[in-house]
Amino acid sequence: MDQPVGPPSTEQAKAPVRLAIRLGLLACVIYWSYILILPFVPILLWSTILAVALYPMFDALSRLLGGRPAVSATLITILGLSIVIGPASWLVFGLVEGVRLIADQLGTGSVSVPAPNPAVKDWPLIGVTLFDLWQLASTNLAAALGKFSPYAKPVATTILSTLGGVGIEILKFLVAVIVTGFLFIPGPRLVSNVRIFLAHVVPERSEEFVALAGETIRSVSRGVIGIAMLQSLLAGIGFVVADIAGAGLFAFLVLLLGVAQIGCAILLIPMIVWFWLTRDPTTALLFTVYIVPVGFVDNVLKPFVMGHGSRTPMVVIFVGVLGGTLAHGLIGLFIGPIVLAVGWELLAVWMRDEAGRNALVQGEAVQADRVQASNAQPRTSHP
């Protein structure tokens, strides 16, 4: 006989309440941990990207030093810190100084156009007209812009307050480089753990996804960010030697245009024209001879660094630059395009895999229909 079902015991009644309390406490711990870790996410991401991009250099240097990975990691970390403390700091603080100069001029209404060179009159066809227009701008532009001074002051204040945390951004880069040095030695074990995790998520493509992610990180970090940084530093040297006001700002714009894959020609060409209009011919010629090859650095080096080139569309890189900068500040300028490029490549592989699988299933279905139709046809016997 079936046993009669009685009312639930006290322990059974309390079980759902205990489970709810445990889940609530676990959710609070997870959420609080997320809040604590969130400020360090950009640093950890940038450290991981640097470790993946520089690991071949670390491995080669370790073998060259007779199998001393600790020494190799220390040397690369010192080199990275030297770059951040030296050229990168100059670039960032030059950006701040250039923006502060423009913001001060906007706030005081002292923006002006220098007077034209009298030699412009001697230019054929357009010389006299261009000189008159330029002369008019140099005499009236300051008065015209002065009317907008009350509206420009709040903008200038906002710009300066935004750049006020540049010291924190430099500190983030320094910490990221130091953390990178600690990731080199356990790197293979960490990659193995990532493969094990992906084997549970996408068991049939785990190896390919890990290899593709590493390849994309190296390709974008070297071929896009690395070349853009080199180009901006070379351009910055030329701007400083040429005594251009706000050289750091223009160098940073070269970096931004290079990372965004737009190209620095839209900045360098007007600058060269401006030099020929305002400086003596010898100075303008020397500046042109130096800055033109700098403008072609990315076109020359990118095929060698990136091999067959990145398959990531330019718009993905551009969106990554904007989104990363808005989300994480200056360090997001470098994190954004790399993370978005990795996501794009993995998504593209997954979609191609699904499309191929669907095509295979459809092909098998068509083949099965043909076989079934062939078997259904009546067979004619011959005497």
Protein backbone atom coordinates (compact mmCIF):
# COMPACT_ATOMS: atom_id res chain seq x y z
CA MET A 1 0.00 0.00 0.00
CA ASP A 2 1.08 3.54 -0.66
CA GLN A 3 2.25 5.48 2.34
CA PRO A 4 0.08 8.51 3.16
CA VAL A 5 1.67 11.83 2.22
CA GLY A 6 1.81 14.10 5.25
CA PRO A 7 2.75 17.75 5.65
CA PRO A 8 6.42 18.62 4.95
CA SER A 9 8.75 18.57 7.88
CA THR A 10 10.30 21.70 9.32
CA GLU A 11 13.70 20.97 7.75
CA GLN A 12 12.13 20.50 4.31
CA ALA A 13 10.26 23.78 4.66
CA LYS A 14 13.46 25.66 5.57
CA ALA A 15 15.51 24.23 2.69
CA PRO A 16 14.28 26.70 0.01
CA VAL A 17 14.86 29.61 2.38
CA ARG A 18 18.43 28.49 3.08
CA LEU A 19 19.09 28.03 -0.64
CA ALA A 20 17.78 31.53 -1.36
CA ILE A 21 19.98 33.00 1.39
CA ARG A 22 23.06 31.19 0.08
CA LEU A 23 22.39 32.31 -3.49
CA GLY A 24 21.83 35.87 -2.30
CA LEU A 25 25.11 35.89 -0.35
CA LEU A 26 26.95 34.37 -3.33
CA ALA A 27 25.50 37.03 -5.65
CA CYS A 28 26.60 39.78 -3.22
CA VAL A 29 30.14 38.37 -3.06
CA ILE A 30 30.34 38.09 -6.87
CA TYR A 31 28.99 41.60 -7.37
CA TRP A 32 31.32 43.09 -4.75
CA SER A 33 34.29 41.25 -6.25
CA TYR A 34 33.33 42.65 -9.66
CA ILE A 35 33.25 46.19 -8.22
CA LEU A 36 36.70 45.70 -6.67
CA ILE A 37 38.27 44.21 -9.80
CA LEU A 38 36.65 46.57 -12.32
CA PRO A 39 39.25 49.39 -12.01
CA PHE A 40 42.03 46.90 -12.75
CA VAL A 41 40.41 45.29 -15.80
CA PRO A 42 42.04 47.67 -18.35
CA ILE A 43 45.45 47.12 -16.75
CA LEU A 44 45.06 43.34 -16.77
CA LEU A 45 43.85 43.37 -20.37
CA TRP A 46 46.75 45.53 -21.53
CA SER A 47 49.22 43.35 -19.59
CA THR A 48 47.82 40.22 -21.25
CA ILE A 49 48.00 41.83 -24.69
CA LEU A 50 51.60 42.90 -24.13
CA ALA A 51 52.55 39.45 -22.84
CA VAL A 52 51.05 37.73 -25.90
CA ALA A 53 52.59 40.23 -28.32
CA LEU A 54 56.06 40.16 -26.75
CA TYR A 55 56.26 36.47 -25.85
CA PRO A 56 58.20 35.48 -29.02
CA MET A 57 60.78 38.15 -28.13
CA PHE A 58 60.90 36.87 -24.54
CA ASP A 59 61.35 33.26 -25.71
CA ALA A 60 64.12 34.15 -28.18
CA LEU A 61 65.94 36.29 -25.61
CA SER A 62 65.63 33.54 -23.00
CA ARG A 63 67.25 31.01 -25.35
CA LEU A 64 69.94 33.55 -26.27
CA LEU A 65 70.78 33.99 -22.57
CA GLY A 66 71.18 30.26 -22.07
CA GLY A 67 67.73 29.41 -20.77
CA ARG A 68 67.29 32.19 -18.22
CA PRO A 69 63.64 33.23 -18.42
CA ALA A 70 63.76 35.39 -15.29
CA VAL A 71 66.59 37.51 -16.68
CA SER A 72 64.85 37.79 -20.02
CA ALA A 73 61.58 38.91 -18.41
CA THR A 74 63.45 41.46 -16.30
CA LEU A 75 65.24 42.95 -19.30
CA ILE A 76 62.04 43.26 -21.34
CA THR A 77 60.26 44.84 -18.35
CA ILE A 78 63.05 47.40 -17.91
CA LEU A 79 62.92 48.20 -21.63
CA GLY A 80 59.14 48.64 -21.45
CA LEU A 81 59.39 50.91 -18.41
CA SER A 82 62.03 52.99 -20.20
CA ILE A 83 59.73 53.45 -23.17
CA VAL A 84 56.78 54.43 -20.99
CA ILE A 85 58.81 56.79 -18.80
CA GLY A 86 60.60 58.32 -21.78
CA PRO A 87 58.99 58.68 -25.21
CA ALA A 88 55.45 57.74 -24.18
CA SER A 89 55.43 60.19 -21.27
CA TRP A 90 56.73 62.94 -23.52
CA LEU A 91 54.01 62.16 -26.03
CA VAL A 92 51.22 62.26 -23.44
CA PHE A 93 52.44 65.35 -21.61
CA GLY A 94 53.06 67.04 -24.96
CA LEU A 95 49.43 66.30 -25.79
CA VAL A 96 48.33 67.91 -22.52
CA GLU A 97 50.51 70.96 -23.11
CA GLY A 98 49.23 71.42 -26.66
CA VAL A 99 45.60 71.07 -25.62
CA ARG A 100 46.17 73.45 -22.72
CA LEU A 101 47.65 76.01 -25.13
CA ILE A 102 44.62 75.78 -27.43
CA ALA A 103 42.22 75.83 -24.48
CA ASP A 104 43.87 78.97 -23.06
CA GLN A 105 43.61 80.69 -26.42
CA LEU A 106 39.96 79.69 -26.72
CA GLY A 107 39.26 80.88 -23.22
CA THR A 108 40.90 84.29 -23.70
CA GLY A 109 39.84 84.80 -27.33
CA SER A 110 43.49 85.27 -28.38
CA VAL A 111 43.39 82.85 -31.32
CA SER A 112 45.00 84.49 -34.34
CA VAL A 113 46.43 83.72 -37.76
CA PRO A 114 50.01 84.90 -38.40
CA ALA A 115 50.60 87.45 -41.12
CA PRO A 116 51.39 86.00 -44.56
CA ASN A 117 54.83 85.90 -46.06
CA PRO A 118 55.24 88.66 -48.68
CA ALA A 119 56.74 86.06 -51.02
CA VAL A 120 53.25 84.58 -51.46
CA LYS A 121 52.41 87.54 -53.74
CA ASP A 122 54.95 86.31 -56.28
CA TRP A 123 53.22 82.95 -56.74
CA PRO A 124 51.77 82.56 -60.23
CA LEU A 125 48.00 82.79 -60.78
CA ILE A 126 46.86 82.56 -57.13
CA GLY A 127 49.58 84.55 -55.34
CA VAL A 128 47.89 87.95 -55.03
CA THR A 129 44.43 86.53 -54.24
CA LEU A 130 45.82 84.15 -51.64
CA PHE A 131 47.87 86.91 -50.03
CA ASP A 132 44.84 89.20 -49.72
CA LEU A 133 42.68 86.46 -48.18
CA TRP A 134 45.41 85.50 -45.78
CA GLN A 135 46.03 89.11 -44.80
CA LEU A 136 42.33 89.59 -44.12
CA ALA A 137 42.21 86.49 -41.91
CA SER A 138 45.29 87.57 -39.96
CA THR A 139 43.80 90.98 -39.17
CA ASN A 140 40.15 90.12 -38.51
CA LEU A 141 40.12 86.52 -37.28
CA ALA A 142 41.08 87.35 -33.71
CA ALA A 143 38.29 89.94 -33.42
CA ALA A 144 35.77 87.52 -34.91
CA LEU A 145 36.74 84.67 -32.62
CA GLY A 146 36.80 87.00 -29.65
CA LYS A 147 33.01 87.18 -29.81
CA PHE A 148 32.85 83.47 -29.05
CA SER A 149 35.17 83.73 -26.05
CA PRO A 150 32.35 83.52 -23.43
CA TYR A 151 31.15 80.28 -25.01
CA ALA A 152 34.64 78.86 -25.48
CA LYS A 153 35.69 79.23 -21.84
CA PRO A 154 33.43 76.40 -20.55
CA VAL A 155 34.71 74.18 -23.36
CA ALA A 156 38.30 74.96 -22.42
CA THR A 157 37.61 74.19 -18.76
CA THR A 158 36.02 70.84 -19.68
CA ILE A 159 38.95 69.87 -21.88
CA LEU A 160 41.49 70.67 -19.17
CA SER A 161 39.55 68.80 -16.50
CA THR A 162 39.36 65.74 -18.78
CA LEU A 163 43.12 65.76 -19.22
CA GLY A 164 43.72 66.29 -15.53
CA GLY A 165 44.11 62.57 -14.88
CA VAL A 166 46.96 62.06 -17.32
CA GLY A 167 49.28 61.16 -14.45
CA ILE A 168 46.96 58.28 -13.51
CA GLU A 169 47.03 57.07 -17.13
CA ILE A 170 50.84 57.02 -17.12
CA LEU A 171 50.76 55.12 -13.83
CA LYS A 172 48.40 52.55 -15.38
CA PHE A 173 50.85 51.99 -18.22
CA LEU A 174 53.72 51.53 -15.77
CA VAL A 175 51.76 49.01 -13.70
CA ALA A 176 50.69 47.15 -16.85
CA VAL A 177 54.30 46.80 -18.00
CA ILE A 178 55.35 45.47 -14.58
CA VAL A 179 52.48 42.95 -14.54
CA THR A 180 53.47 41.87 -18.05
CA GLY A 181 56.92 40.91 -16.76
CA PHE A 182 55.30 38.49 -14.30
CA LEU A 183 53.15 36.89 -17.02
CA PHE A 184 55.99 35.75 -19.28
CA ILE A 185 57.23 32.78 -17.26
CA PRO A 186 53.80 31.21 -16.43
CA GLY A 187 52.58 32.11 -19.93
CA PRO A 188 52.48 28.55 -21.38
CA ARG A 189 50.62 27.25 -18.32
CA LEU A 190 48.07 30.06 -18.55
CA VAL A 191 47.52 29.35 -22.25
CA SER A 192 47.04 25.67 -21.42
CA ASN A 193 44.38 26.60 -18.86
CA VAL A 194 42.61 28.73 -21.48
CA ARG A 195 42.63 25.77 -23.87
CA ILE A 196 41.14 23.52 -21.18
CA PHE A 197 38.39 26.06 -20.51
CA LEU A 198 37.58 26.47 -24.21
CA ALA A 199 37.57 22.69 -24.62
CA HIS A 200 34.46 22.63 -22.44
CA VAL A 201 32.82 25.49 -24.36
CA VAL A 202 33.77 24.79 -27.99
CA PRO A 203 35.50 21.40 -27.88
CA GLU A 204 35.84 21.06 -31.65
CA ARG A 205 37.51 24.48 -32.19
CA SER A 206 39.34 25.23 -28.93
CA GLU A 207 42.87 24.90 -30.35
CA GLU A 208 42.02 26.97 -33.41
CA PHE A 209 40.39 29.73 -31.36
CA VAL A 210 43.38 30.05 -29.03
CA ALA A 211 45.81 30.17 -31.96
CA LEU A 212 43.65 32.69 -33.83
CA ALA A 213 43.34 34.95 -30.78
CA GLY A 214 47.12 34.97 -30.28
CA GLU A 215 47.76 35.61 -33.97
CA THR A 216 45.27 38.50 -34.05
CA ILE A 217 46.71 40.10 -30.91
CA ARG A 218 50.23 39.99 -32.32
CA SER A 219 49.12 41.21 -35.73
CA VAL A 220 47.15 44.21 -34.48
CA SER A 221 49.50 45.15 -31.63
CA ARG A 222 52.59 45.12 -33.84
CA GLY A 223 51.22 46.07 -37.24
CA VAL A 224 48.76 48.72 -36.06
CA ILE A 225 49.70 50.04 -32.62
CA GLY A 226 53.45 49.44 -32.78
CA ILE A 227 53.89 51.08 -36.18
CA ALA A 228 51.60 53.96 -35.20
CA MET A 229 53.69 54.62 -32.07
CA LEU A 230 56.93 54.53 -34.06
CA GLN A 231 55.48 56.88 -36.67
CA SER A 232 54.20 59.32 -34.06
CA LEU A 233 57.55 59.44 -32.27
CA LEU A 234 59.45 60.07 -35.52
CA ALA A 235 56.95 62.76 -36.47
CA GLY A 236 57.22 64.27 -32.98
CA ILE A 237 60.99 64.54 -33.32
CA GLY A 238 60.51 66.39 -36.61
CA PHE A 239 57.93 68.72 -35.05
CA VAL A 240 60.22 69.55 -32.13
CA VAL A 241 63.24 70.20 -34.35
CA ALA A 242 61.08 72.35 -36.66
CA ASP A 243 59.95 74.37 -33.60
CA ILE A 244 56.24 73.76 -34.17
CA ALA A 245 54.02 74.99 -31.35
CA GLY A 246 52.09 72.12 -29.78
CA ALA A 247 54.43 69.46 -31.20
CA GLY A 248 53.22 66.89 -28.67
CA LEU A 249 49.60 67.45 -29.66
CA PHE A 250 50.35 66.95 -33.36
CA ALA A 251 52.45 63.86 -32.59
CA PHE A 252 49.55 62.40 -30.61
CA LEU A 253 47.21 63.12 -33.54
CA VAL A 254 49.60 61.16 -35.78
CA LEU A 255 49.38 58.28 -33.29
CA LEU A 256 45.58 58.48 -33.16
CA LEU A 257 45.23 58.55 -36.96
CA GLY A 258 47.64 55.63 -37.28
CA VAL A 259 45.88 53.45 -34.73
CA ALA A 260 42.50 54.27 -36.28
CA GLN A 261 43.91 53.22 -39.69
CA ILE A 262 42.98 56.57 -41.23
CA GLY A 263 46.53 57.58 -42.02
CA CYS A 264 48.44 60.70 -41.03
CA ALA A 265 48.52 62.18 -44.55
CA ILE A 266 45.46 64.33 -43.77
CA LEU A 267 47.55 66.01 -41.06
CA LEU A 268 51.02 66.06 -42.60
CA ILE A 269 50.06 67.41 -46.04
CA PRO A 270 48.42 70.61 -44.70
CA MET A 271 51.36 70.99 -42.31
CA ILE A 272 53.84 70.81 -45.19
CA VAL A 273 51.82 73.37 -47.17
CA TRP A 274 51.67 75.62 -44.12
CA PHE A 275 55.45 75.35 -43.73
CA TRP A 276 56.05 76.42 -47.32
CA LEU A 277 53.73 79.37 -46.80
CA THR A 278 55.19 80.61 -43.53
CA ARG A 279 58.84 79.56 -43.42
CA ASP A 280 61.82 80.21 -45.63
CA PRO A 281 62.32 77.76 -48.54
CA THR A 282 65.38 76.05 -47.04
CA THR A 283 63.63 75.24 -43.75
CA ALA A 284 60.50 74.14 -45.58
CA LEU A 285 62.53 71.88 -47.88
CA LEU A 286 64.35 70.22 -44.98
CA PHE A 287 61.08 69.67 -43.13
CA THR A 288 59.48 68.18 -46.24
CA VAL A 289 62.42 65.87 -46.91
CA TYR A 290 62.16 64.50 -43.37
CA ILE A 291 58.40 64.35 -42.83
CA VAL A 292 57.41 62.76 -46.17
CA PRO A 293 59.28 59.47 -45.48
CA VAL A 294 57.79 59.48 -41.96
CA GLY A 295 54.35 59.57 -43.54
CA PHE A 296 55.14 56.40 -45.50
CA VAL A 297 56.48 54.43 -42.51
CA ASP A 298 53.24 52.50 -42.09
CA ASN A 299 53.00 51.67 -45.79
CA VAL A 300 56.57 50.32 -45.83
CA LEU A 301 56.67 48.43 -42.51
CA LYS A 302 53.14 47.09 -42.27
CA PRO A 303 53.52 44.41 -45.00
CA PHE A 304 56.65 43.06 -43.26
CA VAL A 305 55.22 43.17 -39.73
CA MET A 306 51.74 41.87 -40.48
CA GLY A 307 52.64 39.40 -43.23
CA HIS A 308 49.56 38.95 -45.36
CA GLY A 309 47.81 41.75 -43.51
CA SER A 310 45.01 41.88 -41.03
CA ARG A 311 41.63 40.57 -42.13
CA THR A 312 39.90 42.84 -39.63
CA PRO A 313 38.01 45.64 -41.43
CA MET A 314 39.16 49.19 -40.81
CA VAL A 315 35.77 50.16 -39.39
CA VAL A 316 36.17 47.56 -36.63
CA ILE A 317 39.55 49.03 -35.66
CA PHE A 318 38.10 52.55 -35.76
CA VAL A 319 35.14 51.63 -33.55
CA GLY A 320 37.51 49.86 -31.16
CA VAL A 321 39.63 53.03 -30.88
CA LEU A 322 36.63 55.25 -30.14
CA GLY A 323 34.90 52.80 -27.83
CA GLY A 324 38.05 51.89 -25.95
CA THR A 325 38.99 55.53 -25.41
CA LEU A 326 35.50 56.46 -24.20
CA ALA A 327 35.30 53.42 -21.90
CA HIS A 328 38.82 53.26 -20.45
CA GLY A 329 40.55 56.54 -21.24
CA LEU A 330 43.98 56.71 -22.79
CA ILE A 331 44.83 53.05 -22.17
CA GLY A 332 41.59 52.10 -23.92
CA LEU A 333 42.96 53.66 -27.10
CA PHE A 334 45.22 50.61 -27.39
CA ILE A 335 43.02 47.99 -25.73
CA GLY A 336 39.86 48.74 -27.71
CA PRO A 337 40.99 47.88 -31.26
CA ILE A 338 42.80 44.72 -30.18
CA VAL A 339 39.92 43.30 -28.12
CA LEU A 340 37.39 44.15 -30.83
CA ALA A 341 39.63 42.66 -33.54
CA VAL A 342 39.95 39.40 -31.60
CA GLY A 343 36.19 39.25 -31.11
CA TRP A 344 35.60 39.98 -34.80
CA GLU A 345 37.99 37.26 -35.96
CA LEU A 346 36.54 34.64 -33.60
CA LEU A 347 33.01 35.55 -34.66
CA ALA A 348 33.98 35.34 -38.33
CA VAL A 349 35.49 31.87 -37.85
CA TRP A 350 32.42 30.69 -35.96
CA MET A 351 30.07 32.01 -38.65
CA ARG A 352 32.13 30.40 -41.43
CA ASP A 353 32.08 27.15 -39.50
CA GLU A 354 28.30 27.28 -39.07
CA ALA A 355 27.82 28.15 -42.75
CA GLY A 356 30.02 25.24 -43.82
CA ARG A 357 28.19 22.88 -41.48
CA ASN A 358 24.79 23.97 -42.86
CA ALA A 359 26.04 23.55 -46.43
CA LEU A 360 27.28 20.06 -45.58
CA VAL A 361 23.94 19.12 -44.03
CA GLN A 362 22.06 20.45 -47.07
CA GLY A 363 24.39 18.57 -49.41
CA GLU A 364 23.84 15.33 -47.53
CA ALA A 365 20.06 15.89 -47.62
CA VAL A 366 20.13 16.48 -51.38
CA GLN A 367 22.25 13.38 -51.91
CA ALA A 368 19.84 11.33 -49.77
CA ASP A 369 16.87 12.60 -51.81
CA ARG A 370 18.61 11.62 -55.03
CA VAL A 371 19.33 8.13 -53.74
CA GLN A 372 15.75 7.75 -52.54
CA ALA A 373 14.38 8.90 -55.88
CA SER A 374 16.69 6.54 -57.72
CA ASN A 375 15.54 3.61 -55.61
CA ALA A 376 11.89 4.51 -56.12
CA GLN A 377 12.12 4.35 -59.94
CA PRO A 378 10.71 1.08 -61.45
CA ARG A 379 13.34 -1.17 -62.93
CA THR A 380 12.74 -2.61 -66.43
CA SER A 381 13.77 -6.20 -66.93
CA HIS A 382 15.36 -7.11 -70.26
CA PRO A 383 14.86 -10.54 -71.85
